[in-house]
Amino acid sequence: VERAIEMIRDAELIEHNLAAMPGITNNKLTTKLVRTCEARADSLAIVDLKDVYVPPFQTKCTTFKDRVDGTTPEQSAKNLVARQLNSSYGATYYPWVKIKDEHWGRDVWVPPSVAAIGVFATTERKDELWFAPAGFTRGGLSAGAGGLPVSQVRLRLSSKERDKLYEAGINPIAQFPAEGIVVFGQKTLQVTPSALDRINVRRLMIHVKKEISRMAATTLFDQNVQATWNRFLGKAEPFLASVQSRFGLTEYKIILD
């Protein structure tokens, strides 16, 4: 797994804007994935937390209780705070969810990163990647926002438990009587309060940076004259105006000097 993470470290070798390794909860590996995305500065890591659920391939348990008694929401929040990840290039969710394996016709427990990836994709397809991948409109897992039929959460979170998780930077997957199962948060792992402690803002910045970088690359080694500047502005201005018209930016300013 470490070698796999090393393979995606180089932004010029493999392009991606999301990275996840569902079910791998080793602290050293998940931290490395977050730091790798942070070093690239063009990808968001979705990581799973340790001891939330022990899958069958990892340990043989005689009862379901043995699989889920490793930790509580409060303990998971405390453990994550103690790790001091503090990065806007990472995000995590809680708890595991049950989906329907339509190929084999059986129920399967999967880590929350699986549902999160589905919600990201659904949000990008229906709206834009800079819209929040959460809430009843875009984060409804019972309504199919995860791309997979989610039928159950490992633990039905109380309002107090959801608050504890969110304060620690963990996005709760909640279950409501009327609305069903929903992703009820979109925080990154950044501790410092700012716009970048939100997933949709970080994904917007990744997208804008990548596109502007591609435009700038087309002018590399050209003459440093007004015509070259105008060629770059002719691409950058319409792009940012398009993002603004689609509610990604309130305003913007291009400085080229």
Protein backbone atom coordinates (compact mmCIF):
# COMPACT_ATOMS: atom_id res chain seq x y z
CA VAL A 1 0.00 0.00 0.00
CA GLU A 2 2.89 2.36 0.75
CA ARG A 3 4.29 1.70 -2.73
CA ALA A 4 0.87 2.43 -4.23
CA ILE A 5 0.73 5.77 -2.41
CA GLU A 6 4.24 6.56 -3.64
CA MET A 7 3.07 5.87 -7.20
CA ILE A 8 0.43 8.61 -7.01
CA ARG A 9 2.75 11.14 -5.37
CA ASP A 10 4.04 12.62 -8.63
CA ALA A 11 1.47 14.99 -10.15
CA GLU A 12 3.18 14.76 -13.55
CA LEU A 13 2.95 10.96 -13.60
CA ILE A 14 -0.64 10.26 -12.48
CA GLU A 15 -3.39 12.88 -12.52
CA HIS A 16 -6.22 12.73 -9.99
CA ASN A 17 -8.28 15.09 -7.86
CA LEU A 18 -9.55 12.49 -5.37
CA ALA A 19 -7.68 9.68 -3.62
CA ALA A 20 -9.10 6.97 -1.36
CA MET A 21 -8.26 3.47 -0.15
CA PRO A 22 -11.55 2.18 1.31
CA GLY A 23 -11.21 -0.11 4.31
CA ILE A 24 -7.53 0.62 4.98
CA THR A 25 -7.52 2.29 8.38
CA ASN A 26 -3.89 2.04 9.50
CA ASN A 27 -3.04 5.47 10.90
CA LYS A 28 0.39 5.59 9.28
CA LEU A 29 -1.04 4.80 5.83
CA THR A 30 -4.02 7.16 6.03
CA THR A 31 -1.78 9.98 7.25
CA LYS A 32 0.60 9.29 4.38
CA LEU A 33 -2.26 9.50 1.86
CA VAL A 34 -3.36 12.88 3.24
CA ARG A 35 0.21 14.21 3.23
CA THR A 36 0.73 12.94 -0.32
CA CYS A 37 -2.34 14.82 -1.58
CA GLU A 38 -1.25 17.88 0.38
CA ALA A 39 2.22 17.77 -1.20
CA ARG A 40 0.67 17.53 -4.68
CA ALA A 41 -1.76 20.34 -3.76
CA ASP A 42 -4.21 19.15 -6.41
CA SER A 43 -6.10 16.25 -4.81
CA LEU A 44 -8.33 15.50 -1.82
CA ALA A 45 -7.79 12.35 0.25
CA ILE A 46 -10.82 10.55 1.70
CA VAL A 47 -9.65 8.34 4.56
CA ASP A 48 -11.37 5.86 6.88
CA LEU A 49 -11.02 5.82 10.66
CA LYS A 50 -9.59 3.00 12.74
CA ASP A 51 -11.63 0.64 14.98
CA VAL A 52 -15.05 1.80 13.75
CA TYR A 53 -15.84 -1.60 12.24
CA VAL A 54 -13.68 -4.70 11.85
CA PRO A 55 -14.32 -6.33 8.44
CA PRO A 56 -14.36 -10.15 8.11
CA PHE A 57 -11.19 -10.26 6.00
CA GLN A 58 -9.30 -8.59 8.84
CA THR A 59 -10.44 -10.53 11.92
CA LYS A 60 -12.75 -13.47 12.52
CA CYS A 61 -15.52 -12.47 14.95
CA THR A 62 -18.30 -14.64 16.32
CA THR A 63 -20.87 -11.83 16.73
CA PHE A 64 -21.66 -8.53 15.04
CA LYS A 65 -21.15 -6.80 18.40
CA ASP A 66 -17.50 -7.87 18.38
CA ARG A 67 -17.06 -6.18 15.01
CA VAL A 68 -18.38 -2.79 16.08
CA ASP A 69 -17.36 -2.42 19.72
CA GLY A 70 -13.87 -1.07 19.00
CA THR A 71 -14.77 2.58 19.61
CA THR A 72 -17.56 5.14 20.05
CA PRO A 73 -18.21 8.39 18.13
CA GLU A 74 -16.74 10.36 21.04
CA GLN A 75 -13.63 8.17 21.12
CA SER A 76 -13.21 8.36 17.33
CA ALA A 77 -13.40 12.15 17.54
CA LYS A 78 -10.85 12.21 20.38
CA ASN A 79 -8.48 9.88 18.50
CA LEU A 80 -8.58 11.99 15.35
CA VAL A 81 -7.90 15.22 17.26
CA ALA A 82 -4.92 13.54 18.91
CA ARG A 83 -3.46 12.69 15.48
CA GLN A 84 -3.24 16.42 14.59
CA LEU A 85 -3.60 15.87 10.84
CA ASN A 86 -4.73 19.47 10.22
CA SER A 87 -4.97 19.49 6.43
CA SER A 88 -7.53 20.88 4.00
CA TYR A 89 -6.47 18.13 1.57
CA GLY A 90 -8.12 15.37 3.62
CA ALA A 91 -11.62 14.39 4.78
CA THR A 92 -13.18 11.53 6.70
CA TYR A 93 -16.65 10.16 7.49
CA TYR A 94 -18.44 8.09 10.16
CA PRO A 95 -19.83 5.37 10.43
CA TRP A 96 -19.76 2.35 8.08
CA VAL A 97 -22.85 1.74 5.93
CA LYS A 98 -24.64 -1.29 4.56
CA ILE A 99 -25.21 -1.52 0.81
CA LYS A 100 -26.94 -4.03 -1.42
CA ASP A 101 -24.56 -6.09 -3.54
CA GLU A 102 -26.86 -6.38 -6.55
CA HIS A 103 -24.52 -8.81 -8.35
CA TRP A 104 -24.59 -11.43 -5.59
CA GLY A 105 -27.92 -10.37 -4.08
CA ARG A 106 -26.67 -9.84 -0.54
CA ASP A 107 -26.02 -7.06 1.96
CA VAL A 108 -22.45 -5.88 2.51
CA TRP A 109 -20.93 -3.52 5.06
CA VAL A 110 -18.61 -0.98 3.43
CA PRO A 111 -16.51 1.88 4.82
CA PRO A 112 -17.97 5.39 4.65
CA SER A 113 -15.40 6.48 2.06
CA VAL A 114 -17.28 4.34 -0.50
CA ALA A 115 -20.49 6.32 0.05
CA ALA A 116 -18.54 9.60 0.12
CA ILE A 117 -16.95 8.95 -3.29
CA GLY A 118 -20.41 8.24 -4.68
CA VAL A 119 -21.82 11.49 -3.29
CA PHE A 120 -18.87 13.44 -4.76
CA ALA A 121 -19.53 11.93 -8.18
CA THR A 122 -23.29 12.49 -7.99
CA THR A 123 -22.80 16.13 -6.96
CA GLU A 124 -20.39 16.75 -9.82
CA ARG A 125 -22.72 15.08 -12.33
CA LYS A 126 -25.93 16.81 -11.22
CA ASP A 127 -24.55 20.21 -10.24
CA GLU A 128 -20.88 21.24 -10.04
CA LEU A 129 -17.90 19.93 -8.08
CA TRP A 130 -17.88 23.14 -6.00
CA PHE A 131 -21.36 22.43 -4.62
CA ALA A 132 -21.41 20.89 -1.13
CA PRO A 133 -21.50 17.05 -1.37
CA ALA A 134 -23.80 16.80 1.65
CA GLY A 135 -27.30 17.51 2.91
CA PHE A 136 -30.72 16.29 1.86
CA THR A 137 -30.46 17.65 -1.70
CA ARG A 138 -27.12 16.12 -2.73
CA GLY A 139 -26.12 13.84 0.17
CA GLY A 140 -29.20 11.64 0.47
CA LEU A 141 -27.83 8.08 0.45
CA SER A 142 -31.28 6.55 0.75
CA ALA A 143 -32.22 8.52 -2.36
CA GLY A 144 -29.28 7.09 -4.32
CA ALA A 145 -26.79 9.95 -4.00
CA GLY A 146 -24.03 7.48 -3.14
CA GLY A 147 -24.45 5.66 -6.44
CA LEU A 148 -25.13 2.48 -4.45
CA PRO A 149 -28.29 1.45 -2.58
CA VAL A 150 -27.47 2.27 1.07
CA SER A 151 -29.92 0.61 3.46
CA GLN A 152 -28.42 1.01 6.93
CA VAL A 153 -25.80 2.76 9.06
CA ARG A 154 -23.66 0.89 11.55
CA LEU A 155 -24.76 3.31 14.29
CA ARG A 156 -27.66 5.72 14.37
CA LEU A 157 -26.03 8.94 15.58
CA SER A 158 -27.71 11.27 18.05
CA SER A 159 -27.57 15.04 17.57
CA LYS A 160 -24.95 15.27 20.32
CA GLU A 161 -22.79 12.57 18.69
CA ARG A 162 -23.02 14.30 15.30
CA ASP A 163 -21.85 17.56 16.90
CA LYS A 164 -18.90 15.82 18.59
CA LEU A 165 -17.81 14.27 15.30
CA TYR A 166 -18.20 17.49 13.33
CA GLU A 167 -16.21 19.50 15.87
CA ALA A 168 -13.35 17.03 15.35
CA GLY A 169 -13.57 17.31 11.55
CA ILE A 170 -15.42 14.03 10.98
CA ASN A 171 -18.42 14.18 8.66
CA PRO A 172 -21.35 12.24 10.12
CA ILE A 173 -23.56 9.97 8.06
CA ALA A 174 -26.90 10.38 9.81
CA GLN A 175 -30.22 8.59 9.67
CA PHE A 176 -33.49 10.50 10.02
CA PRO A 177 -37.02 9.06 10.33
CA ALA A 178 -38.45 10.85 7.29
CA GLU A 179 -35.43 11.74 5.13
CA GLY A 180 -33.52 8.47 5.54
CA ILE A 181 -29.71 8.17 5.48
CA VAL A 182 -27.80 11.32 4.56
CA VAL A 183 -24.24 12.66 4.54
CA PHE A 184 -24.57 15.44 7.10
CA GLY A 185 -21.26 17.27 6.87
CA GLN A 186 -18.62 18.46 4.43
CA LYS A 187 -15.61 19.41 6.53
CA THR A 188 -11.99 18.89 5.58
CA LEU A 189 -9.43 17.91 8.22
CA GLN A 190 -8.22 21.50 8.53
CA VAL A 191 -8.35 22.63 12.16
CA THR A 192 -7.98 26.39 11.58
CA PRO A 193 -11.39 27.95 10.78
CA SER A 194 -11.40 29.32 7.23
CA ALA A 195 -13.17 28.78 3.92
CA LEU A 196 -10.80 25.88 3.23
CA ASP A 197 -12.20 23.82 6.08
CA ARG A 198 -15.05 23.04 3.67
CA ILE A 199 -14.76 20.29 1.05
CA ASN A 200 -16.53 22.20 -1.72
CA VAL A 201 -14.15 25.19 -1.38
CA ARG A 202 -11.05 22.98 -1.42
CA ARG A 203 -12.33 21.13 -4.51
CA LEU A 204 -13.10 24.47 -6.20
CA MET A 205 -9.55 25.69 -5.56
CA ILE A 206 -8.07 22.42 -6.86
CA HIS A 207 -10.14 22.69 -10.04
CA VAL A 208 -9.34 26.36 -10.70
CA LYS A 209 -5.64 25.90 -10.01
CA LYS A 210 -5.40 22.92 -12.39
CA GLU A 211 -7.20 24.66 -15.23
CA ILE A 212 -5.24 27.91 -14.90
CA SER A 213 -1.99 25.90 -14.77
CA ARG A 214 -2.90 24.15 -18.02
CA MET A 215 -3.57 27.50 -19.69
CA ALA A 216 -0.29 28.94 -18.42
CA ALA A 217 1.63 25.92 -19.73
CA THR A 218 0.58 26.76 -23.30
CA THR A 219 2.50 30.04 -23.08
CA LEU A 220 5.70 28.49 -21.71
CA PHE A 221 8.83 29.54 -23.69
CA ASP A 222 6.84 32.03 -25.77
CA GLN A 223 7.99 35.62 -26.14
CA ASN A 224 7.29 37.82 -23.11
CA VAL A 225 5.23 40.31 -25.09
CA GLN A 226 1.71 41.72 -24.92
CA ALA A 227 0.40 39.28 -27.52
CA THR A 228 1.39 36.32 -25.32
CA TRP A 229 -0.21 37.96 -22.29
CA ASN A 230 -3.41 38.54 -24.25
CA ARG A 231 -3.47 34.92 -25.37
CA PHE A 232 -3.34 33.74 -21.77
CA LEU A 233 -5.96 36.27 -20.64
CA GLY A 234 -8.17 35.22 -23.54
CA LYS A 235 -8.37 31.75 -21.98
CA ALA A 236 -8.31 32.57 -18.25
CA GLU A 237 -10.95 35.31 -18.27
CA PRO A 238 -13.76 33.26 -19.94
CA PHE A 239 -12.95 30.27 -17.70
CA LEU A 240 -13.26 32.23 -14.45
CA ALA A 241 -16.36 34.01 -15.74
CA SER A 242 -17.89 30.60 -16.45
CA VAL A 243 -17.12 29.39 -12.91
CA GLN A 244 -18.67 32.58 -11.53
CA SER A 245 -21.83 32.20 -13.63
CA ARG A 246 -22.21 28.66 -12.27
CA PHE A 247 -22.04 29.89 -8.65
CA GLY A 248 -18.46 28.85 -7.98
CA LEU A 249 -17.12 32.36 -7.36
CA THR A 250 -18.71 35.55 -6.12
CA GLU A 251 -16.02 37.69 -7.73
CA TYR A 252 -12.50 37.35 -9.04
CA LYS A 253 -9.57 39.44 -10.22
CA ILE A 254 -6.81 38.49 -12.63
CA ILE A 255 -3.43 40.16 -12.18
CA LEU A 256 -0.89 39.56 -14.96
CA ASP A 257 2.27 41.65 -14.73
